[in-house]
C-alpha atoms as a PDB file:
ATOM      1  CA  UNK A   1       0.023  -0.026   0.003  1.00  0.00           C
ATOM      2  CA  UNK A   2       2.845   2.394   0.873  1.00  0.00           C
ATOM      3  CA  UNK A   3       4.725   1.522  -2.059  1.00  0.00           C
ATOM      4  CA  UNK A   4       1.790   1.949  -4.509  1.00  0.00           C
ATOM      5  CA  UNK A   5       1.085   5.376  -2.880  1.00  0.00           C
ATOM      6  CA  UNK A   6       4.798   6.518  -3.293  1.00  0.00           C
ATOM      7  CA  UNK A   7       4.718   5.300  -6.932  1.00  0.00           C
ATOM      8  CA  UNK A   8       1.476   7.197  -7.639  1.00  0.00           C
ATOM      9  CA  UNK A   9       3.009  10.395  -6.130  1.00  0.00           C
ATOM     10  CA  UNK A  10       6.245   9.884  -8.261  1.00  0.00           C
ATOM     11  CA  UNK A  11       3.984   9.273 -11.395  1.00  0.00           C
ATOM     12  CA  UNK A  12       1.835  12.403 -10.875  1.00  0.00           C
ATOM     13  CA  UNK A  13       5.058  14.619 -10.021  1.00  0.00           C
ATOM     14  CA  UNK A  14       6.753  13.356 -13.271  1.00  0.00           C
ATOM     15  CA  UNK A  15       3.478  14.092 -15.283  1.00  0.00           C
ATOM     16  CA  UNK A  16       3.127  17.559 -13.797  1.00  0.00           C
ATOM     17  CA  UNK A  17       6.803  18.379 -14.513  1.00  0.00           C
ATOM     18  CA  UNK A  18       6.784  16.931 -18.011  1.00  0.00           C
ATOM     19  CA  UNK A  19       3.581  18.771 -19.066  1.00  0.00           C
ATOM     20  CA  UNK A  20       4.984  22.182 -18.123  1.00  0.00           C
ATOM     21  CA  UNK A  21       4.143  23.685 -21.466  1.00  0.00           C
ATOM     22  CA  UNK A  22       6.815  24.018 -24.039  1.00  0.00           C
ATOM     23  CA  UNK A  23       6.850  27.458 -25.113  1.00  0.00           C
ATOM     24  CA  UNK A  24       9.325  28.594 -27.759  1.00  0.00           C
ATOM     25  CA  UNK A  25      11.217  31.458 -26.341  1.00  0.00           C
ATOM     26  CA  UNK A  26      11.837  34.148 -28.875  1.00  0.00           C
ATOM     27  CA  UNK A  27      15.237  35.723 -29.048  1.00  0.00           C
ATOM     28  CA  UNK A  28      14.768  39.392 -28.701  1.00  0.00           C
ATOM     29  CA  UNK A  29      17.257  41.452 -30.650  1.00  0.00           C
ATOM     30  CA  UNK A  30      18.313  44.781 -29.752  1.00  0.00           C
ATOM     31  CA  UNK A  31      19.785  47.251 -32.134  1.00  0.00           C
ATOM     32  CA  UNK A  32      21.068  50.659 -31.399  1.00  0.00           C
ATOM     33  CA  UNK A  33      21.291  53.086 -34.242  1.00  0.00           C
ATOM     34  CA  UNK A  34      23.342  56.087 -33.479  1.00  0.00           C
ATOM     35  CA  UNK A  35      21.932  59.298 -34.997  1.00  0.00           C
ATOM     36  CA  UNK A  36      24.624  61.373 -36.538  1.00  0.00           C
ATOM     37  CA  UNK A  37      24.502  65.032 -35.753  1.00  0.00           C
ATOM     38  CA  UNK A  38      25.908  67.826 -37.980  1.00  0.00           C
ATOM     39  CA  UNK A  39      25.869  70.425 -35.366  1.00  0.00           C
ATOM     40  CA  UNK A  40      27.355  70.448 -31.951  1.00  0.00           C
ATOM     41  CA  UNK A  41      25.528  72.131 -29.253  1.00  0.00           C
ATOM     42  CA  UNK A  42      27.229  73.185 -25.958  1.00  0.00           C
ATOM     43  CA  UNK A  43      24.900  74.822 -23.403  1.00  0.00           C
ATOM     44  CA  UNK A  44      26.407  75.709 -20.308  1.00  0.00           C
ATOM     45  CA  UNK A  45      24.056  75.279 -17.223  1.00  0.00           C
ATOM     46  CA  UNK A  46      24.803  77.678 -14.577  1.00  0.00           C
ATOM     47  CA  UNK A  47      25.863  75.937 -11.444  1.00  0.00           C
ATOM     48  CA  UNK A  48      23.282  76.368  -8.740  1.00  0.00           C
ATOM     49  CA  UNK A  49      24.506  77.855  -5.525  1.00  0.00           C
ATOM     50  CA  UNK A  50      23.471  75.899  -2.354  1.00  0.00           C
ATOM     51  CA  UNK A  51      21.280  77.729   0.170  1.00  0.00           C
ATOM     52  CA  UNK A  52      23.882  77.265   2.727  1.00  0.00           C
ATOM     53  CA  UNK A  53      26.617  78.945   0.640  1.00  0.00           C
ATOM     54  CA  UNK A  54      24.597  81.916  -0.579  1.00  0.00           C
ATOM     55  CA  UNK A  55      25.296  85.240   0.780  1.00  0.00           C
ATOM     56  CA  UNK A  56      22.261  87.031   1.819  1.00  0.00           C
ATOM     57  CA  UNK A  57      22.893  90.038   4.173  1.00  0.00           C
ATOM     58  CA  UNK A  58      19.674  92.171   3.580  1.00  0.00           C
ATOM     59  CA  UNK A  59      17.140  89.679   4.631  1.00  0.00           C
ATOM     60  CA  UNK A  60      16.174  89.913   8.401  1.00  0.00           C
ATOM     61  CA  UNK A  61      13.877  86.925   8.466  1.00  0.00           C
ATOM     62  CA  UNK A  62      10.431  86.641  10.003  1.00  0.00           C
ATOM     63  CA  UNK A  63      10.095  86.995  13.747  1.00  0.00           C
ATOM     64  CA  UNK A  64      10.574  89.167  16.700  1.00  0.00           C
ATOM     65  CA  UNK A  65      13.967  90.407  16.054  1.00  0.00           C
ATOM     66  CA  UNK A  66      13.860  93.645  13.831  1.00  0.00           C
ATOM     67  CA  UNK A  67      17.271  95.176  14.558  1.00  0.00           C
ATOM     68  CA  UNK A  68      20.135  94.161  16.429  1.00  0.00           C
ATOM     69  CA  UNK A  69      23.496  95.913  17.106  1.00  0.00           C
ATOM     70  CA  UNK A  70      26.610  93.801  17.356  1.00  0.00           C
ATOM     71  CA  UNK A  71      29.399  95.551  19.221  1.00  0.00           C
ATOM     72  CA  UNK A  72      32.787  95.774  17.384  1.00  0.00           C
ATOM     73  CA  UNK A  73      34.290  93.526  20.283  1.00  0.00           C
ATOM     74  CA  UNK A  74      33.039  90.073  21.012  1.00  0.00           C
ATOM     75  CA  UNK A  75      31.620  89.698  24.600  1.00  0.00           C
ATOM     76  CA  UNK A  76      33.667  86.889  25.920  1.00  0.00           C
ATOM     77  CA  UNK A  77      31.346  86.156  28.831  1.00  0.00           C
ATOM     78  CA  UNK A  78      28.268  86.162  26.529  1.00  0.00           C
ATOM     79  CA  UNK A  79      30.069  83.885  23.924  1.00  0.00           C
ATOM     80  CA  UNK A  80      31.066  81.373  26.563  1.00  0.00           C
ATOM     81  CA  UNK A  81      27.316  81.258  27.631  1.00  0.00           C
ATOM     82  CA  UNK A  82      26.450  80.876  24.196  1.00  0.00           C
ATOM     83  CA  UNK A  83      28.805  78.030  23.763  1.00  0.00           C
ATOM     84  CA  UNK A  84      27.304  76.175  26.674  1.00  0.00           C
ATOM     85  CA  UNK A  85      23.812  76.568  25.306  1.00  0.00           C
ATOM     86  CA  UNK A  86      24.917  75.559  21.760  1.00  0.00           C
ATOM     87  CA  UNK A  87      26.469  72.355  23.257  1.00  0.00           C
ATOM     88  CA  UNK A  88      23.493  71.579  25.246  1.00  0.00           C
ATOM     89  CA  UNK A  89      20.650  72.468  22.712  1.00  0.00           C
ATOM     90  CA  UNK A  90      22.075  72.412  19.368  1.00  0.00           C
ATOM     91  CA  UNK A  91      24.658  69.717  18.971  1.00  0.00           C
ATOM     92  CA  UNK A  92      22.122  67.010  18.173  1.00  0.00           C
ATOM     93  CA  UNK A  93      21.738  68.577  14.648  1.00  0.00           C
ATOM     94  CA  UNK A  94      24.631  71.089  14.196  1.00  0.00           C
ATOM     95  CA  UNK A  95      28.531  70.850  14.336  1.00  0.00           C
ATOM     96  CA  UNK A  96      30.264  74.078  14.761  1.00  0.00           C
ATOM     97  CA  UNK A  97      32.479  73.831  11.608  1.00  0.00           C
ATOM     98  CA  UNK A  98      30.862  71.156   9.478  1.00  0.00           C
ATOM     99  CA  UNK A  99      27.495  70.253   7.946  1.00  0.00           C
ATOM    100  CA  UNK A 100      25.574  67.622   9.791  1.00  0.00           C
ATOM    101  CA  UNK A 101      21.817  67.234   9.930  1.00  0.00           C
ATOM    102  CA  UNK A 102      21.715  71.142   9.873  1.00  0.00           C
ATOM    103  CA  UNK A 103      24.262  73.712   8.543  1.00  0.00           C
ATOM    104  CA  UNK A 104      27.425  74.667  10.253  1.00  0.00           C
ATOM    105  CA  UNK A 105      27.192  77.965  11.891  1.00  0.00           C
ATOM    106  CA  UNK A 106      30.986  78.725  11.444  1.00  0.00           C
ATOM    107  CA  UNK A 107      31.050  81.931   9.444  1.00  0.00           C
ATOM    108  CA  UNK A 108      27.357  82.239   9.460  1.00  0.00           C
ATOM    109  CA  UNK A 109      27.386  86.091  10.036  1.00  0.00           C
ATOM    110  CA  UNK A 110      29.381  86.467   6.773  1.00  0.00           C
ATOM    111  CA  UNK A 111      26.466  84.933   4.952  1.00  0.00           C
ATOM    112  CA  UNK A 112      23.428  86.077   6.871  1.00  0.00           C
ATOM    113  CA  UNK A 113      22.248  89.231   8.746  1.00  0.00           C
ATOM    114  CA  UNK A 114      22.412  88.695  12.606  1.00  0.00           C
ATOM    115  CA  UNK A 115      18.628  89.401  12.738  1.00  0.00           C
ATOM    116  CA  UNK A 116      18.004  86.467  10.395  1.00  0.00           C
ATOM    117  CA  UNK A 117      20.112  84.204  12.545  1.00  0.00           C
ATOM    118  CA  UNK A 118      18.306  85.297  15.772  1.00  0.00           C
ATOM    119  CA  UNK A 119      14.785  84.806  14.093  1.00  0.00           C
ATOM    120  CA  UNK A 120      15.856  81.499  12.820  1.00  0.00           C
ATOM    121  CA  UNK A 121      16.887  80.389  16.429  1.00  0.00           C
ATOM    122  CA  UNK A 122      13.755  81.926  17.938  1.00  0.00           C
ATOM    123  CA  UNK A 123      11.105  81.414  15.280  1.00  0.00           C
ATOM    124  CA  UNK A 124      12.011  78.333  13.064  1.00  0.00           C
ATOM    125  CA  UNK A 125       8.617  77.214  12.288  1.00  0.00           C
ATOM    126  CA  UNK A 126       7.519  80.474  10.838  1.00  0.00           C
ATOM    127  CA  UNK A 127      10.836  81.042   9.192  1.00  0.00           C
ATOM    128  CA  UNK A 128      10.582  77.689   7.357  1.00  0.00           C
ATOM    129  CA  UNK A 129       6.974  78.708   6.096  1.00  0.00           C
ATOM    130  CA  UNK A 130       7.464  82.328   5.175  1.00  0.00           C
ATOM    131  CA  UNK A 131      11.119  83.087   4.517  1.00  0.00           C
ATOM    132  CA  UNK A 132      12.523  81.997   1.095  1.00  0.00           C
ATOM    133  CA  UNK A 133      15.931  81.346   2.158  1.00  0.00           C
ATOM    134  CA  UNK A 134      14.814  79.184   5.085  1.00  0.00           C
ATOM    135  CA  UNK A 135      12.771  77.125   2.630  1.00  0.00           C
ATOM    136  CA  UNK A 136      15.686  76.581   0.443  1.00  0.00           C
ATOM    137  CA  UNK A 137      17.620  75.435   3.495  1.00  0.00           C
ATOM    138  CA  UNK A 138      14.869  72.920   4.461  1.00  0.00           C
ATOM    139  CA  UNK A 139      15.085  71.448   0.940  1.00  0.00           C
ATOM    140  CA  UNK A 140      18.901  71.344   1.085  1.00  0.00           C
ATOM    141  CA  UNK A 141      18.961  69.511   4.345  1.00  0.00           C
ATOM    142  CA  UNK A 142      16.587  67.043   3.192  1.00  0.00           C
ATOM    143  CA  UNK A 143      13.411  68.293   4.708  1.00  0.00           C
ATOM    144  CA  UNK A 144      14.826  68.267   8.317  1.00  0.00           C
ATOM    145  CA  UNK A 145      13.156  71.170   9.876  1.00  0.00           C
ATOM    146  CA  UNK A 146      15.039  73.120  12.715  1.00  0.00           C
ATOM    147  CA  UNK A 147      13.447  72.341  16.078  1.00  0.00           C
ATOM    148  CA  UNK A 148      12.340  75.141  18.264  1.00  0.00           C
ATOM    149  CA  UNK A 149      14.342  74.929  21.507  1.00  0.00           C
ATOM    150  CA  UNK A 150      12.368  77.515  23.312  1.00  0.00           C
ATOM    151  CA  UNK A 151      15.302  79.723  23.942  1.00  0.00           C
ATOM    152  CA  UNK A 152      14.848  83.143  25.315  1.00  0.00           C
ATOM    153  CA  UNK A 153      15.970  86.197  23.451  1.00  0.00           C
ATOM    154  CA  UNK A 154      18.865  86.496  25.838  1.00  0.00           C
ATOM    155  CA  UNK A 155      20.018  82.885  25.154  1.00  0.00           C
ATOM    156  CA  UNK A 156      19.639  83.333  21.532  1.00  0.00           C
ATOM    157  CA  UNK A 157      21.710  86.363  21.636  1.00  0.00           C
ATOM    158  CA  UNK A 158      24.385  84.584  23.561  1.00  0.00           C
ATOM    159  CA  UNK A 159      24.320  81.819  20.958  1.00  0.00           C
ATOM    160  CA  UNK A 160      24.865  84.468  18.233  1.00  0.00           C
ATOM    161  CA  UNK A 161      27.834  85.970  20.199  1.00  0.00           C
ATOM    162  CA  UNK A 162      29.274  82.489  20.323  1.00  0.00           C
ATOM    163  CA  UNK A 163      28.806  82.090  16.564  1.00  0.00           C
ATOM    164  CA  UNK A 164      30.773  85.265  16.191  1.00  0.00           C
ATOM    165  CA  UNK A 165      33.796  83.422  17.581  1.00  0.00           C
ATOM    166  CA  UNK A 166      33.480  80.652  14.858  1.00  0.00           C
ATOM    167  CA  UNK A 167      35.490  81.256  11.851  1.00  0.00           C
END
């Protein structure tokens, strides 16, 4: 009985395998005919400047800071306080001198107005919605929006003073 069952299973398996349809496979041929051109065209596309490299000093951004006066000398005490705040609140996404999740703040005041930087720190949600440069930065940094850390104006000013020490 067991032998008969095994033989029947083998017979049906062989039958299924052998009746698997014998389609003739057509060989597809590929030909590539190169078109000859008589005229060379050279169009130079202008290189697009990344938002993080753009220099925009006349945009003050959207937020509570309308005007800020930076002294000629860096306030060392305020810069130290700003460094501590930056290390505590910002290093998850920013590195002082290289791009990370967000842009590097080194040299930021050579590319942005201090009011823009302060408004970005204090008001990132509105800046990303309404400021064209902040929108471009959002796109450049893969849609990673800057988190609002809830800093006071004094803390943001200290961070700005710390940014002045980064070159």
